[in-house]
C-alpha atoms as a PDB file:
ATOM      1  CA  MET A   1      39.882 -48.909  23.722  1.00  0.00           C
ATOM      2  CA  GLY A   2      42.199 -46.053  25.075  1.00  0.00           C
ATOM      3  CA  ASP A   3      41.774 -44.116  28.402  1.00  0.00           C
ATOM      4  CA  GLU A   4      39.610 -42.007  28.838  1.00  0.00           C
ATOM      5  CA  VAL A   5      40.182 -38.346  28.630  1.00  0.00           C
ATOM      6  CA  LYS A   6      37.844 -35.442  30.675  1.00  0.00           C
ATOM      7  CA  PHE A   7      37.012 -32.415  28.719  1.00  0.00           C
ATOM      8  CA  THR A   8      37.974 -29.189  30.477  1.00  0.00           C
ATOM      9  CA  GLN A   9      35.162 -26.723  31.787  1.00  0.00           C
ATOM     10  CA  GLU A  10      36.284 -24.548  29.035  1.00  0.00           C
ATOM     11  CA  GLU A  11      36.133 -26.875  26.534  1.00  0.00           C
ATOM     12  CA  LEU A  12      32.701 -28.124  27.727  1.00  0.00           C
ATOM     13  CA  ASN A  13      31.645 -24.652  27.671  1.00  0.00           C
ATOM     14  CA  ALA A  14      32.762 -23.876  24.184  1.00  0.00           C
ATOM     15  CA  ILE A  15      30.628 -26.897  22.783  1.00  0.00           C
ATOM     16  CA  ALA A  16      27.436 -25.581  25.116  1.00  0.00           C
ATOM     17  CA  ASP A  17      27.801 -22.144  23.738  1.00  0.00           C
ATOM     18  CA  LEU A  18      28.099 -23.444  20.048  1.00  0.00           C
ATOM     19  CA  GLN A  19      24.904 -25.464  20.801  1.00  0.00           C
ATOM     20  CA  ARG A  20      23.206 -22.738  22.437  1.00  0.00           C
ATOM     21  CA  ARG A  21      24.038 -20.639  19.182  1.00  0.00           C
ATOM     22  CA  ILE A  22      22.692 -23.228  16.904  1.00  0.00           C
ATOM     23  CA  GLY A  23      19.558 -23.600  18.572  1.00  0.00           C
ATOM     24  CA  GLU A  24      19.234 -19.658  18.535  1.00  0.00           C
ATOM     25  CA  LEU A  25      20.023 -19.520  14.815  1.00  0.00           C
ATOM     26  CA  THR A  26      17.242 -22.596  14.429  1.00  0.00           C
ATOM     27  CA  TYR A  27      14.678 -20.313  16.351  1.00  0.00           C
ATOM     28  CA  LYS A  28      15.469 -17.468  14.182  1.00  0.00           C
ATOM     29  CA  PHE A  29      15.656 -19.378  10.856  1.00  0.00           C
ATOM     30  CA  GLY A  30      12.056 -20.670  11.769  1.00  0.00           C
ATOM     31  CA  ASN A  31      11.021 -17.409  12.685  1.00  0.00           C
ATOM     32  CA  LEU A  32      12.227 -15.678   9.462  1.00  0.00           C
ATOM     33  CA  TYR A  33      10.548 -18.825   7.676  1.00  0.00           C
ATOM     34  CA  LEU A  34       6.997 -17.938   9.016  1.00  0.00           C
ATOM     35  CA  ASP A  35       7.581 -14.203   8.425  1.00  0.00           C
ATOM     36  CA  LYS A  36       8.527 -15.078   4.704  1.00  0.00           C
ATOM     37  CA  GLU A  37       5.086 -17.149   4.445  1.00  0.00           C
ATOM     38  CA  ALA A  38       3.231 -14.117   6.151  1.00  0.00           C
ATOM     39  CA  ILE A  39       4.585 -12.016   3.305  1.00  0.00           C
ATOM     40  CA  GLU A  40       4.181 -14.096   0.179  1.00  0.00           C
ATOM     41  CA  LEU A  41       0.790 -14.601   1.536  1.00  0.00           C
ATOM     42  CA  ARG A  42       0.105 -10.687   1.578  1.00  0.00           C
ATOM     43  CA  MET A  43       1.534 -10.240  -1.796  1.00  0.00           C
ATOM     44  CA  THR A  44      -0.700 -12.798  -2.873  1.00  0.00           C
ATOM     45  CA  GLN A  45      -3.461 -11.465  -1.717  1.00  0.00           C
ATOM     46  CA  ASN A  46      -2.510  -7.651  -2.784  1.00  0.00           C
ATOM     47  CA  ALA A  47      -2.018  -8.773  -6.347  1.00  0.00           C
ATOM     48  CA  VAL A  48      -5.594 -10.131  -6.243  1.00  0.00           C
ATOM     49  CA  ASP A  49      -6.812  -7.121  -4.471  1.00  0.00           C
ATOM     50  CA  PHE A  50      -4.907  -4.908  -7.132  1.00  0.00           C
ATOM     51  CA  ASP A  51      -6.583  -6.701 -10.490  1.00  0.00           C
ATOM     52  CA  THR A  52      -9.803  -6.854  -8.937  1.00  0.00           C
ATOM     53  CA  ALA A  53      -9.625  -2.656  -8.045  1.00  0.00           C
ATOM     54  CA  LYS A  54      -8.119  -2.572 -11.867  1.00  0.00           C
ATOM     55  CA  LYS A  55     -10.949  -4.259 -13.183  1.00  0.00           C
ATOM     56  CA  GLU A  56     -13.679  -1.977 -11.386  1.00  0.00           C
ATOM     57  CA  LEU A  57     -11.464   1.015 -12.159  1.00  0.00           C
ATOM     58  CA  ASP A  58     -11.836  -0.048 -15.641  1.00  0.00           C
ATOM     59  CA  THR A  59     -15.587  -0.744 -15.476  1.00  0.00           C
ATOM     60  CA  ILE A  60     -15.758   2.929 -14.011  1.00  0.00           C
ATOM     61  CA  ARG A  61     -13.969   4.453 -16.901  1.00  0.00           C
ATOM     62  CA  THR A  62     -16.527   2.689 -19.512  1.00  0.00           C
ATOM     63  CA  GLN A  63     -19.492   3.884 -17.576  1.00  0.00           C
ATOM     64  CA  GLU A  64     -18.218   7.431 -17.421  1.00  0.00           C
ATOM     65  CA  ARG A  65     -17.380   7.563 -21.123  1.00  0.00           C
ATOM     66  CA  ASN A  66     -20.897   5.995 -22.149  1.00  0.00           C
ATOM     67  CA  LEU A  67     -22.249   8.784 -19.680  1.00  0.00           C
ATOM     68  CA  ALA A  68     -20.540  11.499 -21.430  1.00  0.00           C
ATOM     69  CA  SER A  69     -21.527  10.036 -24.831  1.00  0.00           C
ATOM     70  CA  THR A  70     -25.127  10.513 -23.867  1.00  0.00           C
ATOM     71  CA  PHE A  71     -24.857  13.637 -22.539  1.00  0.00           C
ATOM     72  CA  GLN A  72     -23.043  14.790 -25.586  1.00  0.00           C
ATOM     73  CA  LEU A  73     -25.864  13.100 -27.670  1.00  0.00           C
ATOM     74  CA  LYS A  74     -28.440  15.201 -25.450  1.00  0.00           C
ATOM     75  CA  TYR A  75     -26.612  18.575 -25.038  1.00  0.00           C
ATOM     76  CA  GLY A  76     -24.097  18.653 -27.612  1.00  0.00           C
ATOM     77  CA  GLU A  77     -20.711  19.908 -26.854  1.00  0.00           C
ATOM     78  CA  GLY A  78     -19.993  21.965 -23.935  1.00  0.00           C
ATOM     79  CA  GLN A  79     -18.674  22.354 -20.207  1.00  0.00           C
ATOM     80  CA  LEU A  80     -20.545  21.196 -16.951  1.00  0.00           C
ATOM     81  CA  ASN A  81     -20.241  22.615 -13.478  1.00  0.00           C
ATOM     82  CA  PRO A  82     -20.850  19.273 -11.623  1.00  0.00           C
ATOM     83  CA  VAL A  83     -21.221  21.523  -8.164  1.00  0.00           C
ATOM     84  CA  THR A  84     -24.114  23.639  -9.926  1.00  0.00           C
ATOM     85  CA  GLY A  85     -25.344  21.357 -12.305  1.00  0.00           C
ATOM     86  CA  VAL A  86     -25.173  24.115 -15.084  1.00  0.00           C
ATOM     87  CA  PHE A  87     -24.179  23.312 -18.670  1.00  0.00           C
ATOM     88  CA  THR A  88     -22.626  25.807 -21.039  1.00  0.00           C
ATOM     89  CA  PRO A  89     -22.887  24.621 -24.376  1.00  0.00           C
ATOM     90  CA  ILE A  90     -19.910  25.707 -26.869  1.00  0.00           C
ATOM     91  CA  PRO A  91     -21.141  27.832 -29.209  1.00  0.00           C
ATOM     92  CA  LYS A  92     -21.257  26.814 -32.961  1.00  0.00           C
ATOM     93  CA  PRO A  93     -19.606  28.966 -35.568  1.00  0.00           C
ATOM     94  CA  PRO A  94     -22.225  30.505 -38.071  1.00  0.00           C
ATOM     95  CA  VAL A  95     -22.831  28.649 -41.342  1.00  0.00           C
ATOM     96  CA  ALA A  96     -21.602  30.891 -43.895  1.00  0.00           C
END
């Protein structure tokens, strides 16, 4: 075995600096991973919420069409003022 060599303080400081930087990056990668996981979880939940809202909107639109059809059969074609509740029928052209 050869003679022992003692590193200079500058060399030891360079090694310590690299170790510190590696530790900081390891910590940063850990935090970034946790952030990424949280974002992916939120995106998954958002997709579920979006699908639920879309199905609810489709249901409401179907109910709206059914209600309009019911009113049209009952009152005929016309305009409804939803504030006053007044329905104004569209005049039918005279039969010749």
